[in-house]
Amino acid sequence: MSRNIRLLIVEDEIAIRTGLVDLFVFHGYAVESVDDGREGLRLALSGQYDLVLLDVMLPGINGFDICARIRAQDREQPIIMLTAKSGDEDVIQGLSLGADDYVAKPFSVAQLVLRVQAVLRRSRIGVAQEQCIRLGDGVELDCRNLSGCCGEEEHTFTRREMELLQYLHANADRPVSRDELLTRVWGYAKNLDLETRTVDIHIAKLRRKIEPDAANPRYLVTVRGAGYRLLVD
């Protein structure tokens, strides 16, 4: 690679933080780590890092607030959150705030490396598809600027949300499975045994933005046993 990929690790547990630094340095990354939420936010907003690995429970400012403030300034900064395994609400909140993915503690270091690689790969490749998506008469999405008009309301989108819509739009003739979305949009290897609700939570977020009634979707529908389909007509 032309330069080392730069990671920022924001984690207050010294044993975990030290282990993560050693792990990613071993894999060839340039790593900076901090144990305080305020310093983590300051560094994350500097725009110097290819990916931020962010714990939820931090002194100063918690990971949720850091994620929200990063997203308010930069909708494309890759973020992976570390959450407590029993805290399912942490997962939902983190992804709702714009994290690209989450990893539950305790985690497999091999799986964590794969997830970091996948998020980085998607952030560099992007999705070379439509620059504008129209759904019915009331939804128009500007894929380049990560924005859209949905009836009378205007919304902004994260890069991952728009990539998901672009992929579903390019395959609007059929339902797309969760596994296919994890492979083609999130960049995970095929047949990787992942326990994740990432796709479902992103779909729920998108429905709140593009549907007149998110509880009864008109455009982004579930096909039982097959996955999700975007209806463009």
Protein backbone atom coordinates (compact mmCIF):
# COMPACT_ATOMS: atom_id res chain seq x y z
CA MET A 1 0.00 0.00 0.00
CA SER A 2 1.17 3.55 -0.66
CA ARG A 3 0.75 4.54 3.00
CA ASN A 4 -0.31 2.87 6.17
CA ILE A 5 -4.03 3.03 6.83
CA ARG A 6 -4.62 5.22 9.88
CA LEU A 7 -6.88 3.93 12.67
CA LEU A 8 -8.09 5.80 15.73
CA ILE A 9 -9.02 3.57 18.66
CA VAL A 10 -11.10 5.19 21.43
CA GLU A 11 -11.26 2.71 24.30
CA ASP A 12 -10.81 3.30 28.03
CA GLU A 13 -10.11 -0.28 29.16
CA ILE A 14 -6.33 -0.45 29.07
CA ALA A 15 -6.07 -4.19 28.41
CA ILE A 16 -8.47 -4.03 25.46
CA ARG A 17 -6.92 -0.83 24.11
CA THR A 18 -3.39 -2.21 24.28
CA GLY A 19 -4.47 -5.46 22.67
CA LEU A 20 -6.23 -3.65 19.81
CA VAL A 21 -3.23 -1.42 19.16
CA ASP A 22 -0.90 -4.44 19.03
CA LEU A 23 -3.36 -6.33 16.79
CA PHE A 24 -3.69 -3.63 14.15
CA VAL A 25 -0.04 -2.60 14.21
CA PHE A 26 0.75 -6.27 13.52
CA HIS A 27 -1.58 -6.08 10.49
CA GLY A 28 0.25 -3.05 9.12
CA TYR A 29 -1.96 -0.18 10.24
CA ALA A 30 -0.82 3.13 11.70
CA VAL A 31 -2.68 3.29 15.01
CA GLU A 32 -3.39 6.05 17.49
CA SER A 33 -5.33 5.34 20.67
CA VAL A 34 -6.89 7.39 23.45
CA ASP A 35 -8.81 6.50 26.59
CA ASP A 36 -10.96 9.63 26.93
CA GLY A 37 -14.09 10.57 25.03
CA ARG A 38 -13.30 14.28 24.68
CA GLU A 39 -9.85 13.63 23.25
CA GLY A 40 -11.26 10.92 21.03
CA LEU A 41 -13.84 13.34 19.62
CA ARG A 42 -11.20 16.00 19.01
CA LEU A 43 -9.01 13.59 17.09
CA ALA A 44 -11.89 12.01 15.20
CA LEU A 45 -13.05 15.42 13.95
CA SER A 46 -9.57 16.20 12.63
CA GLY A 47 -10.23 14.10 9.54
CA GLN A 48 -6.86 12.35 9.79
CA TYR A 49 -8.12 8.78 10.15
CA ASP A 50 -9.34 6.18 7.69
CA LEU A 51 -11.46 4.51 10.37
CA VAL A 52 -12.52 5.18 13.96
CA LEU A 53 -12.95 2.20 16.29
CA LEU A 54 -15.15 3.57 19.06
CA ASP A 55 -16.17 2.12 22.42
CA VAL A 56 -19.58 3.05 23.83
CA MET A 57 -18.76 3.53 27.51
CA LEU A 58 -16.11 6.25 27.80
CA PRO A 59 -15.18 8.94 30.33
CA GLY A 60 -15.88 12.52 29.29
CA ILE A 61 -18.18 11.89 26.31
CA ASN A 62 -19.75 8.54 25.52
CA GLY A 63 -19.37 6.79 22.18
CA PHE A 64 -22.92 7.54 21.07
CA ASP A 65 -22.41 11.29 21.42
CA ILE A 66 -19.05 11.05 19.66
CA CYS A 67 -20.61 9.12 16.76
CA ALA A 68 -23.44 11.65 16.44
CA ARG A 69 -21.03 14.61 16.42
CA ILE A 70 -18.78 12.96 13.85
CA ARG A 71 -21.78 12.31 11.60
CA ALA A 72 -22.97 15.91 11.97
CA GLN A 73 -19.67 17.03 10.42
CA ASP A 74 -18.70 14.11 8.18
CA ARG A 75 -21.22 11.64 6.79
CA GLU A 76 -18.49 9.50 5.18
CA GLN A 77 -16.06 8.86 8.06
CA PRO A 78 -15.97 5.06 8.60
CA ILE A 79 -16.94 4.19 12.19
CA ILE A 80 -17.15 0.83 13.94
CA MET A 81 -18.57 0.77 17.45
CA LEU A 82 -17.66 -1.66 20.23
CA THR A 83 -20.68 -2.60 22.34
CA ALA A 84 -21.51 -4.82 25.29
CA LYS A 85 -22.74 -8.20 24.10
CA SER A 86 -25.86 -8.04 26.26
CA GLY A 87 -26.68 -4.48 25.23
CA ASP A 88 -28.85 -4.95 22.14
CA GLU A 89 -30.15 -1.41 22.57
CA ASP A 90 -26.54 -0.21 22.21
CA VAL A 91 -26.33 -1.85 18.81
CA ILE A 92 -29.56 -0.26 17.59
CA GLN A 93 -28.63 3.18 18.91
CA GLY A 94 -25.11 3.08 17.48
CA LEU A 95 -26.25 2.11 13.99
CA SER A 96 -29.12 4.60 14.14
CA LEU A 97 -26.58 7.36 14.82
CA GLY A 98 -24.65 6.43 11.68
CA ALA A 99 -22.02 3.85 12.66
CA ASP A 100 -21.04 1.62 9.73
CA ASP A 101 -20.95 -1.50 11.88
CA TYR A 102 -20.70 -2.75 15.44
CA VAL A 103 -18.74 -5.49 17.16
CA ALA A 104 -20.04 -7.00 20.39
CA LYS A 105 -17.79 -7.68 23.36
CA PRO A 106 -16.27 -10.16 23.92
CA PHE A 107 -15.22 -10.37 20.29
CA SER A 108 -13.08 -12.58 18.09
CA VAL A 109 -9.98 -10.65 17.03
CA ALA A 110 -10.03 -12.41 13.65
CA GLN A 111 -13.63 -11.31 13.04
CA LEU A 112 -12.84 -7.77 14.17
CA VAL A 113 -9.99 -7.52 11.66
CA LEU A 114 -12.28 -8.83 8.90
CA ARG A 115 -14.93 -6.25 9.77
CA VAL A 116 -12.41 -3.42 9.77
CA GLN A 117 -11.08 -4.57 6.40
CA ALA A 118 -14.61 -4.79 4.99
CA VAL A 119 -15.61 -1.29 6.11
CA LEU A 120 -12.37 0.17 4.76
CA ARG A 121 -12.80 -1.65 1.47
CA ARG A 122 -16.28 -0.28 0.98
CA SER A 123 -15.22 3.24 1.91
CA ARG A 124 -12.51 3.17 -0.75
CA ILE A 125 -14.41 1.40 -3.52
CA GLY A 126 -17.79 3.06 -3.17
CA VAL A 127 -20.69 2.08 -5.40
CA ALA A 128 -20.43 3.20 -9.01
CA GLN A 129 -24.14 3.26 -9.81
CA GLU A 130 -26.94 5.75 -10.32
CA GLN A 131 -26.36 9.28 -9.13
CA CYS A 132 -30.08 9.96 -8.78
CA ILE A 133 -32.84 7.62 -7.62
CA ARG A 134 -36.54 8.37 -7.97
CA LEU A 135 -39.24 6.36 -6.23
CA GLY A 136 -42.85 6.91 -7.20
CA ASP A 137 -43.92 10.55 -7.38
CA GLY A 138 -42.61 11.81 -4.09
CA VAL A 139 -39.06 10.57 -3.47
CA GLU A 140 -35.94 11.89 -5.20
CA LEU A 141 -32.48 11.00 -3.91
CA ASP A 142 -29.21 12.71 -4.79
CA CYS A 143 -26.70 9.90 -4.35
CA ARG A 144 -23.66 12.09 -4.93
CA ASN A 145 -24.56 14.60 -2.21
CA LEU A 146 -26.10 12.03 0.18
CA SER A 147 -29.39 13.90 0.38
CA GLY A 148 -32.97 13.50 -0.71
CA CYS A 149 -36.44 14.99 -0.87
CA CYS A 150 -39.20 12.72 0.36
CA GLY A 151 -42.50 14.49 -0.12
CA GLU A 152 -42.24 17.76 1.79
CA GLU A 153 -39.31 16.61 3.91
CA GLU A 154 -35.59 16.79 3.21
CA HIS A 155 -33.20 14.22 4.64
CA THR A 156 -29.49 13.55 4.72
CA PHE A 157 -28.08 10.05 4.41
CA THR A 158 -24.89 8.34 5.45
CA ARG A 159 -22.65 6.89 2.77
CA ARG A 160 -23.65 3.36 3.81
CA GLU A 161 -27.36 4.13 3.64
CA MET A 162 -27.02 5.49 0.12
CA GLU A 163 -24.86 2.56 -1.03
CA LEU A 164 -27.56 0.21 0.25
CA LEU A 165 -30.25 2.07 -1.70
CA GLN A 166 -28.08 2.14 -4.82
CA TYR A 167 -27.49 -1.60 -4.70
CA LEU A 168 -31.17 -2.37 -4.15
CA HIS A 169 -32.06 0.03 -6.97
CA ALA A 170 -29.61 -1.68 -9.35
CA ASN A 171 -31.27 -5.00 -8.49
CA ALA A 172 -34.85 -3.77 -8.30
CA ASP A 173 -36.09 -6.68 -10.40
CA ARG A 174 -35.63 -9.14 -7.52
CA PRO A 175 -35.43 -9.45 -3.73
CA VAL A 176 -31.90 -9.24 -2.31
CA SER A 177 -30.94 -11.37 0.68
CA ARG A 178 -29.25 -10.12 3.84
CA ASP A 179 -26.20 -12.26 3.07
CA GLU A 180 -25.87 -10.72 -0.39
CA LEU A 181 -26.14 -7.21 1.05
CA LEU A 182 -23.47 -7.97 3.65
CA THR A 183 -21.20 -9.24 0.86
CA ARG A 184 -21.86 -6.63 -1.82
CA VAL A 185 -22.58 -3.49 0.23
CA TRP A 186 -20.67 -4.08 3.46
CA GLY A 187 -17.83 -5.97 1.76
CA TYR A 188 -17.79 -9.07 3.96
CA ALA A 189 -16.44 -12.32 2.57
CA LYS A 190 -19.02 -14.86 1.40
CA ASN A 191 -20.02 -17.55 3.89
CA LEU A 192 -18.53 -15.56 6.79
CA ASP A 193 -20.46 -16.60 9.88
CA LEU A 194 -21.55 -13.23 11.24
CA GLU A 195 -24.11 -12.56 13.92
CA THR A 196 -25.24 -9.06 13.01
CA ARG A 197 -28.40 -6.98 12.74
CA THR A 198 -26.66 -4.32 10.69
CA VAL A 199 -28.74 -4.80 7.55
CA ASP A 200 -32.10 -4.85 9.36
CA ILE A 201 -31.31 -1.73 11.36
CA HIS A 202 -30.17 0.17 8.25
CA ILE A 203 -33.37 -0.87 6.46
CA ALA A 204 -35.44 0.45 9.37
CA LYS A 205 -33.54 3.77 9.28
CA LEU A 206 -34.08 4.12 5.53
CA ARG A 207 -37.80 3.43 5.84
CA ARG A 208 -38.13 6.28 8.32
CA LYS A 209 -36.58 8.58 5.71
CA ILE A 210 -38.09 7.49 2.40
CA GLU A 211 -41.47 6.01 3.30
CA PRO A 212 -44.67 8.01 3.85
CA ASP A 213 -45.51 5.43 6.51
CA ALA A 214 -42.49 3.47 7.77
CA ALA A 215 -44.73 0.87 9.44
CA ASN A 216 -46.35 0.07 6.09
CA PRO A 217 -43.54 0.43 3.53
CA ARG A 218 -44.45 1.20 -0.05
CA TYR A 219 -40.98 1.30 -1.63
CA LEU A 220 -38.56 -0.69 0.55
CA VAL A 221 -40.42 -3.92 1.20
CA THR A 222 -39.62 -7.20 2.90
CA VAL A 223 -40.01 -10.34 0.80
CA ARG A 224 -40.61 -13.12 3.30
CA GLY A 225 -37.85 -15.72 3.23
CA ALA A 226 -35.95 -13.89 0.47
CA GLY A 227 -34.76 -10.51 1.75
CA TYR A 228 -35.55 -6.94 0.70
CA ARG A 229 -36.70 -5.36 -2.53
CA LEU A 230 -36.86 -1.74 -3.69
CA LEU A 231 -40.00 -0.99 -5.68
CA VAL A 232 -39.29 1.85 -8.09
CA ASP A 233 -42.66 2.22 -9.83
